[in-house]
Amino acid sequence: MQSGPLLLHLLHAALMASSMMLTWQVYRLRKPKAE
């Protein structure tokens, strides 16, 4: 059973998800609430 590619795919997916979350958080923080 090849666990290499699967692990890499899982790591890539986690990285993408965390990156998207971080970008969303920064976007929300930078956007003024009064607007």
PDB file of N, CA and C in Angstrom:
ATOM      1  N   MET A   1       0.837  -1.206   0.000  1.00  0.00           N
ATOM      2  CA  MET A   1       0.000   0.000   0.000  1.00  0.00           C
ATOM      3  C   MET A   1       0.871   1.254   0.000  1.00  0.00           C
ATOM      4  N   GLN A   2       0.631   2.116  -0.966  1.00  0.00           N
ATOM      5  CA  GLN A   2       1.414   3.344  -1.068  1.00  0.00           C
ATOM      6  C   GLN A   2       0.819   4.430  -0.174  1.00  0.00           C
ATOM      7  N   SER A   3       1.530   4.783   0.876  1.00  0.00           N
ATOM      8  CA  SER A   3       1.040   5.805   1.796  1.00  0.00           C
ATOM      9  C   SER A   3       1.690   7.159   1.496  1.00  0.00           C
ATOM     10  N   GLY A   4       2.732   7.144   0.655  1.00  0.00           N
ATOM     11  CA  GLY A   4       3.444   8.377   0.318  1.00  0.00           C
ATOM     12  C   GLY A   4       2.551   9.410  -0.351  1.00  0.00           C
ATOM     13  N   PRO A   5       2.041   9.098  -1.552  1.00  0.00           N
ATOM     14  CA  PRO A   5       1.199  10.042  -2.299  1.00  0.00           C
ATOM     15  C   PRO A   5      -0.042  10.459  -1.517  1.00  0.00           C
ATOM     16  N   LEU A   6      -0.624   9.511  -0.784  1.00  0.00           N
ATOM     17  CA  LEU A   6      -1.830   9.801  -0.008  1.00  0.00           C
ATOM     18  C   LEU A   6      -1.517  10.814   1.090  1.00  0.00           C
ATOM     19  N   LEU A   7      -0.389  10.591   1.770  1.00  0.00           N
ATOM     20  CA  LEU A   7       0.022  11.491   2.846  1.00  0.00           C
ATOM     21  C   LEU A   7       0.311  12.880   2.285  1.00  0.00           C
ATOM     22  N   LEU A   8       0.960  12.914   1.132  1.00  0.00           N
ATOM     23  CA  LEU A   8       1.297  14.184   0.497  1.00  0.00           C
ATOM     24  C   LEU A   8       0.027  14.929   0.102  1.00  0.00           C
ATOM     25  N   HIS A   9      -0.940  14.197  -0.431  1.00  0.00           N
ATOM     26  CA  HIS A   9      -2.208  14.796  -0.837  1.00  0.00           C
ATOM     27  C   HIS A   9      -2.950  15.351   0.373  1.00  0.00           C
ATOM     28  N   LEU A  10      -2.924  14.593   1.462  1.00  0.00           N
ATOM     29  CA  LEU A  10      -3.588  15.013   2.695  1.00  0.00           C
ATOM     30  C   LEU A  10      -2.918  16.268   3.254  1.00  0.00           C
ATOM     31  N   LEU A  11      -1.593  16.281   3.236  1.00  0.00           N
ATOM     32  CA  LEU A  11      -0.834  17.429   3.729  1.00  0.00           C
ATOM     33  C   LEU A  11      -1.130  18.661   2.886  1.00  0.00           C
ATOM     34  N   HIS A  12      -1.192  18.470   1.569  1.00  0.00           N
ATOM     35  CA  HIS A  12      -1.476  19.567   0.650  1.00  0.00           C
ATOM     36  C   HIS A  12      -2.866  20.130   0.893  1.00  0.00           C
ATOM     37  N   ALA A  13      -3.834  19.240   1.111  1.00  0.00           N
ATOM     38  CA  ALA A  13      -5.209  19.666   1.371  1.00  0.00           C
ATOM     39  C   ALA A  13      -5.290  20.456   2.677  1.00  0.00           C
ATOM     40  N   ALA A  14      -4.586  19.988   3.695  1.00  0.00           N
ATOM     41  CA  ALA A  14      -4.581  20.672   4.989  1.00  0.00           C
ATOM     42  C   ALA A  14      -3.929  22.049   4.861  1.00  0.00           C
ATOM     43  N   LEU A  15      -2.857  22.117   4.090  1.00  0.00           N
ATOM     44  CA  LEU A  15      -2.152  23.380   3.882  1.00  0.00           C
ATOM     45  C   LEU A  15      -3.047  24.378   3.164  1.00  0.00           C
ATOM     46  N   MET A  16      -3.751  23.913   2.145  1.00  0.00           N
ATOM     47  CA  MET A  16      -4.650  24.780   1.388  1.00  0.00           C
ATOM     48  C   MET A  16      -5.772  25.296   2.280  1.00  0.00           C
ATOM     49  N   ALA A  17      -6.324  24.408   3.101  1.00  0.00           N
ATOM     50  CA  ALA A  17      -7.421  24.785   3.996  1.00  0.00           C
ATOM     51  C   ALA A  17      -6.963  25.824   5.013  1.00  0.00           C
ATOM     52  N   SER A  18      -5.804  25.593   5.612  1.00  0.00           N
ATOM     53  CA  SER A  18      -5.295  26.527   6.618  1.00  0.00           C
ATOM     54  C   SER A  18      -4.954  27.871   5.980  1.00  0.00           C
ATOM     55  N   SER A  19      -4.430  27.825   4.761  1.00  0.00           N
ATOM     56  CA  SER A  19      -4.093  29.055   4.046  1.00  0.00           C
ATOM     57  C   SER A  19      -5.347  29.870   3.747  1.00  0.00           C
ATOM     58  N   MET A  20      -6.404  29.183   3.322  1.00  0.00           N
ATOM     59  CA  MET A  20      -7.667  29.854   3.012  1.00  0.00           C
ATOM     60  C   MET A  20      -8.267  30.470   4.278  1.00  0.00           C
ATOM     61  N   MET A  21      -8.186  29.712   5.389  1.00  0.00           N
ATOM     62  CA  MET A  21      -8.715  30.199   6.663  1.00  0.00           C
ATOM     63  C   MET A  21      -7.961  31.451   7.104  1.00  0.00           C
ATOM     64  N   LEU A  22      -6.631  31.393   6.994  1.00  0.00           N
ATOM     65  CA  LEU A  22      -5.799  32.518   7.404  1.00  0.00           C
ATOM     66  C   LEU A  22      -6.110  33.743   6.559  1.00  0.00           C
ATOM     67  N   THR A  23      -6.241  33.548   5.247  1.00  0.00           N
ATOM     68  CA  THR A  23      -6.555  34.654   4.343  1.00  0.00           C
ATOM     69  C   THR A  23      -7.909  35.253   4.684  1.00  0.00           C
ATOM     70  N   TRP A  24      -8.877  34.396   4.987  1.00  0.00           N
ATOM     71  CA  TRP A  24     -10.223  34.856   5.340  1.00  0.00           C
ATOM     72  C   TRP A  24     -10.195  35.653   6.639  1.00  0.00           C
ATOM     73  N   GLN A  25      -9.416  35.174   7.620  1.00  0.00           N
ATOM     74  CA  GLN A  25      -9.308  35.866   8.903  1.00  0.00           C
ATOM     75  C   GLN A  25      -8.675  37.244   8.723  1.00  0.00           C
ATOM     76  N   VAL A  26      -7.605  37.317   7.948  1.00  0.00           N
ATOM     77  CA  VAL A  26      -6.926  38.587   7.684  1.00  0.00           C
ATOM     78  C   VAL A  26      -7.867  39.537   6.954  1.00  0.00           C
ATOM     79  N   TYR A  27      -8.620  39.012   5.992  1.00  0.00           N
ATOM     80  CA  TYR A  27      -9.574  39.827   5.232  1.00  0.00           C
ATOM     81  C   TYR A  27     -10.637  40.403   6.162  1.00  0.00           C
ATOM     82  N   ARG A  28     -11.148  39.568   7.072  1.00  0.00           N
ATOM     83  CA  ARG A  28     -12.177  40.007   8.012  1.00  0.00           C
ATOM     84  C   ARG A  28     -11.623  41.036   8.987  1.00  0.00           C
ATOM     85  N   LEU A  29     -10.362  40.836   9.414  1.00  0.00           N
ATOM     86  CA  LEU A  29      -9.748  41.760  10.362  1.00  0.00           C
ATOM     87  C   LEU A  29      -9.465  43.111   9.713  1.00  0.00           C
ATOM     88  N   ARG A  30      -9.045  43.094   8.470  1.00  0.00           N
ATOM     89  CA  ARG A  30      -8.694  44.335   7.769  1.00  0.00           C
ATOM     90  C   ARG A  30      -9.930  45.134   7.376  1.00  0.00           C
ATOM     91  N   LYS A  31     -11.033  44.453   7.136  1.00  0.00           N
ATOM     92  CA  LYS A  31     -12.248  45.147   6.718  1.00  0.00           C
ATOM     93  C   LYS A  31     -12.905  45.854   7.912  1.00  0.00           C
ATOM     94  N   PRO A  32     -13.118  47.149   7.813  1.00  0.00           N
ATOM     95  CA  PRO A  32     -13.746  47.895   8.910  1.00  0.00           C
ATOM     96  C   PRO A  32     -15.185  47.463   9.136  1.00  0.00           C
ATOM     97  N   LYS A  33     -15.574  47.348  10.410  1.00  0.00           N
ATOM     98  CA  LYS A  33     -16.921  46.879  10.726  1.00  0.00           C
ATOM     99  C   LYS A  33     -17.962  47.966  10.482  1.00  0.00           C
ATOM    100  N   ALA A  34     -17.539  49.237  10.550  1.00  0.00           N
ATOM    101  CA  ALA A  34     -18.480  50.347  10.383  1.00  0.00           C
ATOM    102  C   ALA A  34     -19.019  50.390   8.957  1.00  0.00           C
ATOM    103  N   GLU A  35     -18.215  49.885   8.013  1.00  0.00           N
ATOM    104  CA  GLU A  35     -18.625  49.964   6.608  1.00  0.00           C
ATOM    105  C   GLU A  35     -19.787  49.052   6.305  1.00  0.00           C
TER     106      GLU A  35
END
